[in-house]
Amino acid sequence: AASGLTAMLLEPLGWRMTLQCYSVAGLVWSAIFWRWFRDSPSEHLRVN
């Protein structure tokens, strides 16, 4: 999927801007992961 997306973005954005967009996606993912994930099932409130 990333190979296809990169090919689509290269022409309109260029490789530099495409890298920066991927960087933003990484930061967004890390924030979501920090809020949602727990190291142990016993720490997660949604594990019954």
ModelCIF file with pLDDT and N, C-alpha, C, O atoms, coordinates in Angstrom:
data_MODEL
#
_entry.id   MODEL 
#
_entity.id                         1 
_entity.type                       polymer 
_entity.pdbx_number_of_molecules   1 
#
_entity_poly.entity_id                      1 
_entity_poly.type                           'polypeptide(L)' 
_entity_poly.nstd_linkage                   no 
_entity_poly.nstd_monomer                   no 
_entity_poly.pdbx_seq_one_letter_code       AASGLTAMLLEPLGWRMTLQCYSVAGLVWSAIFWRWFRDSPSEHLRVN 
_entity_poly.pdbx_seq_one_letter_code_can   AASGLTAMLLEPLGWRMTLQCYSVAGLVWSAIFWRWFRDSPSEHLRVN 
_entity_poly.pdbx_strand_id                 A 
#
loop_
_entity_poly_seq.entity_id 
_entity_poly_seq.num 
_entity_poly_seq.mon_id 
_entity_poly_seq.hetero 
1 1  ALA n 
1 2  ALA n 
1 3  SER n 
1 4  GLY n 
1 5  LEU n 
1 6  THR n 
1 7  ALA n 
1 8  MET n 
1 9  LEU n 
1 10 LEU n 
1 11 GLU n 
1 12 PRO n 
1 13 LEU n 
1 14 GLY n 
1 15 TRP n 
1 16 ARG n 
1 17 MET n 
1 18 THR n 
1 19 LEU n 
1 20 GLN n 
1 21 CYS n 
1 22 TYR n 
1 23 SER n 
1 24 VAL n 
1 25 ALA n 
1 26 GLY n 
1 27 LEU n 
1 28 VAL n 
1 29 TRP n 
1 30 SER n 
1 31 ALA n 
1 32 ILE n 
1 33 PHE n 
1 34 TRP n 
1 35 ARG n 
1 36 TRP n 
1 37 PHE n 
1 38 ARG n 
1 39 ASP n 
1 40 SER n 
1 41 PRO n 
1 42 SER n 
1 43 GLU n 
1 44 HIS n 
1 45 LEU n 
1 46 ARG n 
1 47 VAL n 
1 48 ASN n 
#
_struct_asym.id          A 
_struct_asym.entity_id   1 
#
loop_
_ma_qa_metric.id 
_ma_qa_metric.mode 
_ma_qa_metric.name 
_ma_qa_metric.software_group_id 
_ma_qa_metric.type 
1 global pLDDT . pLDDT 
2 local  pLDDT . pLDDT 
#
_ma_qa_metric_global.metric_id      1 
_ma_qa_metric_global.metric_value   91.40 
_ma_qa_metric_global.model_id       1 
_ma_qa_metric_global.ordinal_id     1 
#
loop_
_ma_qa_metric_local.label_asym_id 
_ma_qa_metric_local.label_comp_id 
_ma_qa_metric_local.label_seq_id 
_ma_qa_metric_local.metric_id 
_ma_qa_metric_local.metric_value 
_ma_qa_metric_local.model_id 
_ma_qa_metric_local.ordinal_id 
A ALA 1  2 91.00 1 1  
A ALA 2  2 89.00 1 2  
A SER 3  2 88.00 1 3  
A GLY 4  2 89.00 1 4  
A LEU 5  2 91.00 1 5  
A THR 6  2 90.00 1 6  
A ALA 7  2 88.00 1 7  
A MET 8  2 91.00 1 8  
A LEU 9  2 91.00 1 9  
A LEU 10 2 89.00 1 10 
A GLU 11 2 89.00 1 11 
A PRO 12 2 92.00 1 12 
A LEU 13 2 92.00 1 13 
A GLY 14 2 92.00 1 14 
A TRP 15 2 91.00 1 15 
A ARG 16 2 93.00 1 16 
A MET 17 2 94.00 1 17 
A THR 18 2 93.00 1 18 
A LEU 19 2 93.00 1 19 
A GLN 20 2 94.00 1 20 
A CYS 21 2 94.00 1 21 
A TYR 22 2 93.00 1 22 
A SER 23 2 95.00 1 23 
A VAL 24 2 95.00 1 24 
A ALA 25 2 93.00 1 25 
A GLY 26 2 93.00 1 26 
A LEU 27 2 95.00 1 27 
A VAL 28 2 95.00 1 28 
A TRP 29 2 94.00 1 29 
A SER 30 2 95.00 1 30 
A ALA 31 2 95.00 1 31 
A ILE 32 2 95.00 1 32 
A PHE 33 2 95.00 1 33 
A TRP 34 2 95.00 1 34 
A ARG 35 2 93.00 1 35 
A TRP 36 2 93.00 1 36 
A PHE 37 2 94.00 1 37 
A ARG 38 2 94.00 1 38 
A ASP 39 2 92.00 1 39 
A SER 40 2 89.00 1 40 
A PRO 41 2 89.00 1 41 
A SER 42 2 86.00 1 42 
A GLU 43 2 87.00 1 43 
A HIS 44 2 88.00 1 44 
A LEU 45 2 83.00 1 45 
A ARG 46 2 86.00 1 46 
A VAL 47 2 86.00 1 47 
A ASN 48 2 85.00 1 48 
#
loop_
_atom_site.group_PDB 
_atom_site.id 
_atom_site.type_symbol 
_atom_site.label_atom_id 
_atom_site.label_alt_id 
_atom_site.label_comp_id 
_atom_site.label_asym_id 
_atom_site.label_entity_id 
_atom_site.label_seq_id 
_atom_site.pdbx_PDB_ins_code 
_atom_site.Cartn_x 
_atom_site.Cartn_y 
_atom_site.Cartn_z 
_atom_site.occupancy 
_atom_site.B_iso_or_equiv 
_atom_site.pdbx_formal_charge 
_atom_site.auth_seq_id 
_atom_site.auth_comp_id 
_atom_site.auth_asym_id 
_atom_site.auth_atom_id 
_atom_site.pdbx_PDB_model_num 
ATOM 1   N N  . ALA A 1 1  ? 0.828   -1.209  0.000  1.00 91.00 ? 1  ALA A N  1 
ATOM 2   C CA . ALA A 1 1  ? 0.000   0.000   0.000  1.00 91.00 ? 1  ALA A CA 1 
ATOM 3   C C  . ALA A 1 1  ? 0.862   1.258   0.000  1.00 91.00 ? 1  ALA A C  1 
ATOM 4   O O  . ALA A 1 1  ? 0.558   2.229   -0.693 1.00 91.00 ? 1  ALA A O  1 
ATOM 5   N N  . ALA A 1 2  ? 1.948   1.233   0.789  1.00 89.00 ? 2  ALA A N  1 
ATOM 6   C CA . ALA A 1 2  ? 2.827   2.397   0.868  1.00 89.00 ? 2  ALA A CA 1 
ATOM 7   C C  . ALA A 1 2  ? 3.529   2.658   -0.462 1.00 89.00 ? 2  ALA A C  1 
ATOM 8   O O  . ALA A 1 2  ? 3.734   3.808   -0.850 1.00 89.00 ? 2  ALA A O  1 
ATOM 9   N N  . SER A 1 3  ? 3.892   1.588   -1.152 1.00 88.00 ? 3  SER A N  1 
ATOM 10  C CA . SER A 1 3  ? 4.536   1.759   -2.465 1.00 88.00 ? 3  SER A CA 1 
ATOM 11  C C  . SER A 1 3  ? 3.585   2.425   -3.449 1.00 88.00 ? 3  SER A C  1 
ATOM 12  O O  . SER A 1 3  ? 3.970   3.331   -4.188 1.00 88.00 ? 3  SER A O  1 
ATOM 13  N N  . GLY A 1 4  ? 2.327   1.959   -3.449 1.00 89.00 ? 4  GLY A N  1 
ATOM 14  C CA . GLY A 1 4  ? 1.336   2.559   -4.340 1.00 89.00 ? 4  GLY A CA 1 
ATOM 15  C C  . GLY A 1 4  ? 1.035   3.999   -3.984 1.00 89.00 ? 4  GLY A C  1 
ATOM 16  O O  . GLY A 1 4  ? 0.919   4.856   -4.859 1.00 89.00 ? 4  GLY A O  1 
ATOM 17  N N  . LEU A 1 5  ? 0.908   4.263   -2.681 1.00 91.00 ? 5  LEU A N  1 
ATOM 18  C CA . LEU A 1 5  ? 0.603   5.623   -2.237 1.00 91.00 ? 5  LEU A CA 1 
ATOM 19  C C  . LEU A 1 5  ? 1.759   6.569   -2.567 1.00 91.00 ? 5  LEU A C  1 
ATOM 20  O O  . LEU A 1 5  ? 1.545   7.704   -2.993 1.00 91.00 ? 5  LEU A O  1 
ATOM 21  N N  . THR A 1 6  ? 2.975   6.086   -2.365 1.00 90.00 ? 6  THR A N  1 
ATOM 22  C CA . THR A 1 6  ? 4.147   6.908   -2.680 1.00 90.00 ? 6  THR A CA 1 
ATOM 23  C C  . THR A 1 6  ? 4.175   7.268   -4.164 1.00 90.00 ? 6  THR A C  1 
ATOM 24  O O  . THR A 1 6  ? 4.451   8.412   -4.527 1.00 90.00 ? 6  THR A O  1 
ATOM 25  N N  . ALA A 1 7  ? 3.889   6.290   -5.013 1.00 88.00 ? 7  ALA A N  1 
ATOM 26  C CA . ALA A 1 7  ? 3.871   6.541   -6.450 1.00 88.00 ? 7  ALA A CA 1 
ATOM 27  C C  . ALA A 1 7  ? 2.825   7.597   -6.817 1.00 88.00 ? 7  ALA A C  1 
ATOM 28  O O  . ALA A 1 7  ? 3.036   8.408   -7.718 1.00 88.00 ? 7  ALA A O  1 
ATOM 29  N N  . MET A 1 8  ? 1.698   7.575   -6.105 1.00 91.00 ? 8  MET A N  1 
ATOM 30  C CA . MET A 1 8  ? 0.634   8.546   -6.375 1.00 91.00 ? 8  MET A CA 1 
ATOM 31  C C  . MET A 1 8  ? 1.011   9.950   -5.910 1.00 91.00 ? 8  MET A C  1 
ATOM 32  O O  . MET A 1 8  ? 0.637   10.942  -6.536 1.00 91.00 ? 8  MET A O  1 
ATOM 33  N N  . LEU A 1 9  ? 1.762   10.025  -4.794 1.00 91.00 ? 9  LEU A N  1 
ATOM 34  C CA . LEU A 1 9  ? 2.073   11.323  -4.196 1.00 91.00 ? 9  LEU A CA 1 
ATOM 35  C C  . LEU A 1 9  ? 3.316   11.992  -4.774 1.00 91.00 ? 9  LEU A C  1 
ATOM 36  O O  . LEU A 1 9  ? 3.476   13.208  -4.666 1.00 91.00 ? 9  LEU A O  1 
ATOM 37  N N  . LEU A 1 10 ? 4.188   11.206  -5.383 1.00 89.00 ? 10 LEU A N  1 
ATOM 38  C CA . LEU A 1 10 ? 5.467   11.750  -5.835 1.00 89.00 ? 10 LEU A CA 1 
ATOM 39  C C  . LEU A 1 10 ? 5.307   12.890  -6.842 1.00 89.00 ? 10 LEU A C  1 
ATOM 40  O O  . LEU A 1 10 ? 5.974   13.919  -6.736 1.00 89.00 ? 10 LEU A O  1 
ATOM 41  N N  . GLU A 1 11 ? 4.434   12.701  -7.802 1.00 89.00 ? 11 GLU A N  1 
ATOM 42  C CA . GLU A 1 11 ? 4.307   13.724  -8.845 1.00 89.00 ? 11 GLU A CA 1 
ATOM 43  C C  . GLU A 1 11 ? 3.699   15.026  -8.319 1.00 89.00 ? 11 GLU A C  1 
ATOM 44  O O  . GLU A 1 11 ? 4.240   16.098  -8.593 1.00 89.00 ? 11 GLU A O  1 
ATOM 45  N N  . PRO A 1 12 ? 2.577   14.965  -7.564 1.00 92.00 ? 12 PRO A N  1 
ATOM 46  C CA . PRO A 1 12 ? 2.005   16.236  -7.094 1.00 92.00 ? 12 PRO A CA 1 
ATOM 47  C C  . PRO A 1 12 ? 2.773   16.882  -5.945 1.00 92.00 ? 12 PRO A C  1 
ATOM 48  O O  . PRO A 1 12 ? 2.804   18.108  -5.839 1.00 92.00 ? 12 PRO A O  1 
ATOM 49  N N  . LEU A 1 13 ? 3.397   16.069  -5.077 1.00 92.00 ? 13 LEU A N  1 
ATOM 50  C CA . LEU A 1 13 ? 4.031   16.618  -3.873 1.00 92.00 ? 13 LEU A CA 1 
ATOM 51  C C  . LEU A 1 13 ? 5.552   16.634  -3.921 1.00 92.00 ? 13 LEU A C  1 
ATOM 52  O O  . LEU A 1 13 ? 6.185   17.480  -3.290 1.00 92.00 ? 13 LEU A O  1 
ATOM 53  N N  . GLY A 1 14 ? 6.136   15.715  -4.658 1.00 92.00 ? 14 GLY A N  1 
ATOM 54  C CA . GLY A 1 14 ? 7.590   15.574  -4.623 1.00 92.00 ? 14 GLY A CA 1 
ATOM 55  C C  . GLY A 1 14 ? 7.992   14.686  -3.455 1.00 92.00 ? 14 GLY A C  1 
ATOM 56  O O  . GLY A 1 14 ? 7.214   14.485  -2.523 1.00 92.00 ? 14 GLY A O  1 
ATOM 57  N N  . TRP A 1 15 ? 9.219   14.151  -3.509 1.00 91.00 ? 15 TRP A N  1 
ATOM 58  C CA . TRP A 1 15 ? 9.632   13.200  -2.475 1.00 91.00 ? 15 TRP A CA 1 
ATOM 59  C C  . TRP A 1 15 ? 9.829   13.855  -1.116 1.00 91.00 ? 15 TRP A C  1 
ATOM 60  O O  . TRP A 1 15 ? 9.621   13.208  -0.090 1.00 91.00 ? 15 TRP A O  1 
ATOM 61  N N  . ARG A 1 16 ? 10.220  15.106  -1.086 1.00 93.00 ? 16 ARG A N  1 
ATOM 62  C CA . ARG A 1 16 ? 10.467  15.780  0.192  1.00 93.00 ? 16 ARG A CA 1 
ATOM 63  C C  . ARG A 1 16 ? 9.151   15.986  0.961  1.00 93.00 ? 16 ARG A C  1 
ATOM 64  O O  . ARG A 1 16 ? 9.050   15.652  2.142  1.00 93.00 ? 16 ARG A O  1 
ATOM 65  N N  . MET A 1 17 ? 8.166   16.533  0.279  1.00 94.00 ? 17 MET A N  1 
ATOM 66  C CA . MET A 1 17 ? 6.879   16.764  0.936  1.00 94.00 ? 17 MET A CA 1 
ATOM 67  C C  . MET A 1 17 ? 6.191   15.445  1.296  1.00 94.00 ? 17 MET A C  1 
ATOM 68  O O  . MET A 1 17 ? 5.516   15.357  2.321  1.00 94.00 ? 17 MET A O  1 
ATOM 69  N N  . THR A 1 18 ? 6.360   14.432  0.465  1.00 93.00 ? 18 THR A N  1 
ATOM 70  C CA . THR A 1 18 ? 5.785   13.118  0.766  1.00 93.00 ? 18 THR A CA 1 
ATOM 71  C C  . THR A 1 18 ? 6.376   12.560  2.056  1.00 93.00 ? 18 THR A C  1 
ATOM 72  O O  . THR A 1 18 ? 5.651   12.022  2.894  1.00 93.00 ? 18 THR A O  1 
ATOM 73  N N  . LEU A 1 19 ? 7.696   12.690  2.215  1.00 93.00 ? 19 LEU A N  1 
ATOM 74  C CA . LEU A 1 19 ? 8.346   12.253  3.460  1.00 93.00 ? 19 LEU A CA 1 
ATOM 75  C C  . LEU A 1 19 ? 7.787   13.001  4.669  1.00 93.00 ? 19 LEU A C  1 
ATOM 76  O O  . LEU A 1 19 ? 7.552   12.408  5.721  1.00 93.00 ? 19 LEU A O  1 
ATOM 77  N N  . GLN A 1 20 ? 7.581   14.284  4.511  1.00 94.00 ? 20 GLN A N  1 
ATOM 78  C CA . GLN A 1 20 ? 7.050   15.089  5.610  1.00 94.00 ? 20 GLN A CA 1 
ATOM 79  C C  . GLN A 1 20 ? 5.621   14.688  5.967  1.00 94.00 ? 20 GLN A C  1 
ATOM 80  O O  . GLN A 1 20 ? 5.246   14.686  7.139  1.00 94.00 ? 20 GLN A O  1 
ATOM 81  N N  . CYS A 1 21 ? 4.833   14.351  4.960  1.00 94.00 ? 21 CYS A N  1 
ATOM 82  C CA . CYS A 1 21 ? 3.462   13.875  5.220  1.00 94.00 ? 21 CYS A CA 1 
ATOM 83  C C  . CYS A 1 21 ? 3.489   12.552  5.988  1.00 94.00 ? 21 CYS A C  1 
ATOM 84  O O  . CYS A 1 21 ? 2.704   12.346  6.914  1.00 94.00 ? 21 CYS A O  1 
ATOM 85  N N  . TYR A 1 22 ? 4.396   11.664  5.597  1.00 93.00 ? 22 TYR A N  1 
ATOM 86  C CA . TYR A 1 22 ? 4.526   10.398  6.318  1.00 93.00 ? 22 TYR A CA 1 
ATOM 87  C C  . TYR A 1 22 ? 4.979   10.632  7.763  1.00 93.00 ? 22 TYR A C  1 
ATOM 88  O O  . TYR A 1 22 ? 4.593   9.893   8.668  1.00 93.00 ? 22 TYR A O  1 
ATOM 89  N N  . SER A 1 23 ? 5.785   11.647  7.965  1.00 95.00 ? 23 SER A N  1 
ATOM 90  C CA . SER A 1 23 ? 6.248   11.976  9.315  1.00 95.00 ? 23 SER A CA 1 
ATOM 91  C C  . SER A 1 23 ? 5.078   12.423  10.201 1.00 95.00 ? 23 SER A C  1 
ATOM 92  O O  . SER A 1 23 ? 4.982   12.032  11.364 1.00 95.00 ? 23 SER A O  1 
ATOM 93  N N  . VAL A 1 24 ? 4.205   13.239  9.639  1.00 95.00 ? 24 VAL A N  1 
ATOM 94  C CA . VAL A 1 24 ? 3.021   13.681  10.380 1.00 95.00 ? 24 VAL A CA 1 
ATOM 95  C C  . VAL A 1 24 ? 2.150   12.474  10.736 1.00 95.00 ? 24 VAL A C  1 
ATOM 96  O O  . VAL A 1 24 ? 1.637   12.373  11.851 1.00 95.00 ? 24 VAL A O  1 
ATOM 97  N N  . ALA A 1 25 ? 1.993   11.567  9.779  1.00 93.00 ? 25 ALA A N  1 
ATOM 98  C CA . ALA A 1 25 ? 1.204   10.354  10.034 1.00 93.00 ? 25 ALA A CA 1 
ATOM 99  C C  . ALA A 1 25 ? 1.809   9.547   11.187 1.00 93.00 ? 25 ALA A C  1 
ATOM 100 O O  . ALA A 1 25 ? 1.080   8.996   12.012 1.00 93.00 ? 25 ALA A O  1 
ATOM 101 N N  . GLY A 1 26 ? 3.141   9.478   11.241 1.00 93.00 ? 26 GLY A N  1 
ATOM 102 C CA . GLY A 1 26 ? 3.808   8.758   12.325 1.00 93.00 ? 26 GLY A CA 1 
ATOM 103 C C  . GLY A 1 26 ? 3.552   9.386   13.680 1.00 93.00 ? 26 GLY A C  1 
ATOM 104 O O  . GLY A 1 26 ? 3.347   8.679   14.666 1.00 93.00 ? 26 GLY A O  1 
ATOM 105 N N  . LEU A 1 27 ? 3.563   10.708  13.736 1.00 95.00 ? 27 LEU A N  1 
ATOM 106 C CA . LEU A 1 27 ? 3.305   11.408  14.994 1.00 95.00 ? 27 LEU A CA 1 
ATOM 107 C C  . LEU A 1 27 ? 1.856   11.225  15.443 1.00 95.00 ? 27 LEU A C  1 
ATOM 108 O O  . LEU A 1 27 ? 1.587   11.050  16.631 1.00 95.00 ? 27 LEU A O  1 
ATOM 109 N N  . VAL A 1 28 ? 0.935   11.266  14.496 1.00 95.00 ? 28 VAL A N  1 
ATOM 110 C CA . VAL A 1 28 ? -0.484  11.043  14.825 1.00 95.00 ? 28 VAL A CA 1 
ATOM 111 C C  . VAL A 1 28 ? -0.673  9.626   15.362 1.00 95.00 ? 28 VAL A C  1 
ATOM 112 O O  . VAL A 1 28 ? -1.362  9.414   16.359 1.00 95.00 ? 28 VAL A O  1 
ATOM 113 N N  . TRP A 1 29 ? -0.046  8.653   14.682 1.00 94.00 ? 29 TRP A N  1 
ATOM 114 C CA . TRP A 1 29 ? -0.144  7.265   15.141 1.00 94.00 ? 29 TRP A CA 1 
ATOM 115 C C  . TRP A 1 29 ? 0.404   7.104   16.553 1.00 94.00 ? 29 TRP A C  1 
ATOM 116 O O  . TRP A 1 29 ? -0.202  6.418   17.376 1.00 94.00 ? 29 TRP A O  1 
ATOM 117 N N  . SER A 1 30 ? 1.547   7.730   16.845 1.00 95.00 ? 30 SER A N  1 
ATOM 118 C CA . SER A 1 30 ? 2.156   7.583   18.169 1.00 95.00 ? 30 SER A CA 1 
ATOM 119 C C  . SER A 1 30 ? 1.260   8.147   19.263 1.00 95.00 ? 30 SER A C  1 
ATOM 120 O O  . SER A 1 30 ? 1.208   7.595   20.362 1.00 95.00 ? 30 SER A O  1 
ATOM 121 N N  . ALA A 1 31 ? 0.550   9.244   18.977 1.00 95.00 ? 31 ALA A N  1 
ATOM 122 C CA . ALA A 1 31 ? -0.366  9.824   19.961 1.00 95.00 ? 31 ALA A CA 1 
ATOM 123 C C  . ALA A 1 31 ? -1.542  8.892   20.216 1.00 95.00 ? 31 ALA A C  1 
ATOM 124 O O  . ALA A 1 31 ? -1.948  8.700   21.363 1.00 95.00 ? 31 ALA A O  1 
ATOM 125 N N  . ILE A 1 32 ? -2.090  8.313   19.150 1.00 95.00 ? 32 ILE A N  1 
ATOM 126 C CA . ILE A 1 32 ? -3.211  7.377   19.296 1.00 95.00 ? 32 ILE A CA 1 
ATOM 127 C C  . ILE A 1 32 ? -2.770  6.135   20.049 1.00 95.00 ? 32 ILE A C  1 
ATOM 128 O O  . ILE A 1 32 ? -3.485  5.642   20.921 1.00 95.00 ? 32 ILE A O  1 
ATOM 129 N N  . PHE A 1 33 ? -1.580  5.624   19.707 1.00 95.00 ? 33 PHE A N  1 
ATOM 130 C CA . PHE A 1 33 ? -1.061  4.420   20.361 1.00 95.00 ? 33 PHE A CA 1 
ATOM 131 C C  . PHE A 1 33 ? -0.847  4.660   21.851 1.00 95.00 ? 33 PHE A C  1 
ATOM 132 O O  . PHE A 1 33 ? -1.184  3.804   22.670 1.00 95.00 ? 33 PHE A O  1 
ATOM 133 N N  . TRP A 1 34 ? -0.294  5.811   22.209 1.00 95.00 ? 34 TRP A N  1 
ATOM 134 C CA . TRP A 1 34 ? -0.059  6.135   23.619 1.00 95.00 ? 34 TRP A CA 1 
ATOM 135 C C  . TRP A 1 34 ? -1.373  6.173   24.407 1.00 95.00 ? 34 TRP A C  1 
ATOM 136 O O  . TRP A 1 34 ? -1.424  5.723   25.551 1.00 95.00 ? 34 TRP A O  1 
ATOM 137 N N  . ARG A 1 35 ? -2.403  6.696   23.811 1.00 93.00 ? 35 ARG A N  1 
ATOM 138 C CA . ARG A 1 35 ? -3.682  6.807   24.505 1.00 93.00 ? 35 ARG A CA 1 
ATOM 139 C C  . ARG A 1 35 ? -4.386  5.453   24.622 1.00 93.00 ? 35 ARG A C  1 
ATOM 140 O O  . ARG A 1 35 ? -5.036  5.175   25.630 1.00 93.00 ? 35 ARG A O  1 
ATOM 141 N N  . TRP A 1 36 ? -4.260  4.627   23.608 1.00 93.00 ? 36 TRP A N  1 
ATOM 142 C CA . TRP A 1 36 ? -5.047  3.388   23.555 1.00 93.00 ? 36 TRP A CA 1 
ATOM 143 C C  . TRP A 1 36 ? -4.334  2.182   24.153 1.00 93.00 ? 36 TRP A C  1 
ATOM 144 O O  . TRP A 1 36 ? -4.973  1.387   24.841 1.00 93.00 ? 36 TRP A O  1 
ATOM 145 N N  . PHE A 1 37 ? -3.024  2.015   23.916 1.00 94.00 ? 37 PHE A N  1 
ATOM 146 C CA . PHE A 1 37 ? -2.324  0.778   24.260 1.00 94.00 ? 37 PHE A CA 1 
ATOM 147 C C  . PHE A 1 37 ? -1.869  0.753   25.709 1.00 94.00 ? 37 PHE A C  1 
ATOM 148 O O  . PHE A 1 37 ? -1.576  1.795   26.296 1.00 94.00 ? 37 PHE A O  1 
ATOM 149 N N  . ARG A 1 38 ? -1.813  -0.446  26.283 1.00 94.00 ? 38 ARG A N  1 
ATOM 150 C CA . ARG A 1 38 ? -1.228  -0.684  27.597 1.00 94.00 ? 38 ARG A CA 1 
ATOM 151 C C  . ARG A 1 38 ? -0.281  -1.873  27.496 1.00 94.00 ? 38 ARG A C  1 
ATOM 152 O O  . ARG A 1 38 ? -0.508  -2.788  26.704 1.00 94.00 ? 38 ARG A O  1 
ATOM 153 N N  . ASP A 1 39 ? 0.774   -1.857  28.295 1.00 92.00 ? 39 ASP A N  1 
ATOM 154 C CA . ASP A 1 39 ? 1.782   -2.914  28.206 1.00 92.00 ? 39 ASP A CA 1 
ATOM 155 C C  . ASP A 1 39 ? 1.251   -4.278  28.618 1.00 92.00 ? 39 ASP A C  1 
ATOM 156 O O  . ASP A 1 39 ? 1.711   -5.301  28.110 1.00 92.00 ? 39 ASP A O  1 
ATOM 157 N N  . SER A 1 40 ? 0.302   -4.306  29.520 1.00 89.00 ? 40 SER A N  1 
ATOM 158 C CA . SER A 1 40 ? -0.236  -5.568  30.015 1.00 89.00 ? 40 SER A CA 1 
ATOM 159 C C  . SER A 1 40 ? -1.757  -5.563  29.918 1.00 89.00 ? 40 SER A C  1 
ATOM 160 O O  . SER A 1 40 ? -2.378  -4.518  30.114 1.00 89.00 ? 40 SER A O  1 
ATOM 161 N N  . PRO A 1 41 ? -2.373  -6.710  29.619 1.00 89.00 ? 41 PRO A N  1 
ATOM 162 C CA . PRO A 1 41 ? -3.830  -6.785  29.589 1.00 89.00 ? 41 PRO A CA 1 
ATOM 163 C C  . PRO A 1 41 ? -4.468  -6.358  30.905 1.00 89.00 ? 41 PRO A C  1 
ATOM 164 O O  . PRO A 1 41 ? -5.581  -5.832  30.918 1.00 89.00 ? 41 PRO A O  1 
ATOM 165 N N  . SER A 1 42 ? -3.757  -6.585  32.021 1.00 86.00 ? 42 SER A N  1 
ATOM 166 C CA . SER A 1 42 ? -4.299  -6.224  33.328 1.00 86.00 ? 42 SER A CA 1 
ATOM 167 C C  . SER A 1 42 ? -4.405  -4.715  33.516 1.00 86.00 ? 42 SER A C  1 
ATOM 168 O O  . SER A 1 42 ? -5.127  -4.249  34.397 1.00 86.00 ? 42 SER A O  1 
ATOM 169 N N  . GLU A 1 43 ? -3.687  -3.947  32.692 1.00 87.00 ? 43 GLU A N  1 
ATOM 170 C CA . GLU A 1 43 ? -3.720  -2.488  32.797 1.00 87.00 ? 43 GLU A CA 1 
ATOM 171 C C  . GLU A 1 43 ? -4.795  -1.864  31.915 1.00 87.00 ? 43 GLU A C  1 
ATOM 172 O O  . GLU A 1 43 ? -5.081  -0.672  32.031 1.00 87.00 ? 43 GLU A O  1 
ATOM 173 N N  . HIS A 1 44 ? -5.389  -2.664  31.035 1.00 88.00 ? 44 HIS A N  1 
ATOM 174 C CA . HIS A 1 44 ? -6.363  -2.132  30.081 1.00 88.00 ? 44 HIS A CA 1 
ATOM 175 C C  . HIS A 1 44 ? -7.783  -2.335  30.615 1.00 88.00 ? 44 HIS A C  1 
ATOM 176 O O  . HIS A 1 44 ? -8.189  -3.454  30.930 1.00 88.00 ? 44 HIS A O  1 
ATOM 177 N N  . LEU A 1 45 ? -8.518  -1.245  30.708 1.00 83.00 ? 45 LEU A N  1 
ATOM 178 C CA . LEU A 1 45 ? -9.850  -1.298  31.311 1.00 83.00 ? 45 LEU A CA 1 
ATOM 179 C C  . LEU A 1 45 ? -10.851 -2.088  30.480 1.00 83.00 ? 45 LEU A C  1 
ATOM 180 O O  . LEU A 1 45 ? -11.863 -2.542  31.013 1.00 83.00 ? 45 LEU A O  1 
ATOM 181 N N  . ARG A 1 46 ? -10.595 -2.264  29.196 1.00 86.00 ? 46 ARG A N  1 
ATOM 182 C CA . ARG A 1 46 ? -11.555 -2.942  28.334 1.00 86.00 ? 46 ARG A CA 1 
ATOM 183 C C  . ARG A 1 46 ? -11.328 -4.445  28.205 1.00 86.00 ? 46 ARG A C  1 
ATOM 184 O O  . ARG A 1 46 ? -12.042 -5.119  27.462 1.00 86.00 ? 46 ARG A O  1 
ATOM 185 N N  . VAL A 1 47 ? -10.342 -4.968  28.920 1.00 86.00 ? 47 VAL A N  1 
ATOM 186 C CA . VAL A 1 47 ? -10.097 -6.407  28.906 1.00 86.00 ? 47 VAL A CA 1 
ATOM 187 C C  . VAL A 1 47 ? -10.872 -7.039  30.054 1.00 86.00 ? 47 VAL A C  1 
ATOM 188 O O  . VAL A 1 47 ? -10.615 -6.723  31.216 1.00 86.00 ? 47 VAL A O  1 
ATOM 189 N N  . ASN A 1 48 ? -11.820 -7.930  29.749 1.00 85.00 ? 48 ASN A N  1 
ATOM 190 C CA . ASN A 1 48 ? -12.654 -8.532  30.791 1.00 85.00 ? 48 ASN A CA 1 
ATOM 191 C C  . ASN A 1 48 ? -12.010 -9.792  31.367 1.00 85.00 ? 48 ASN A C  1 
ATOM 192 O O  . ASN A 1 48 ? -12.580 -10.424 32.257 1.00 85.00 ? 48 ASN A O  1 
#
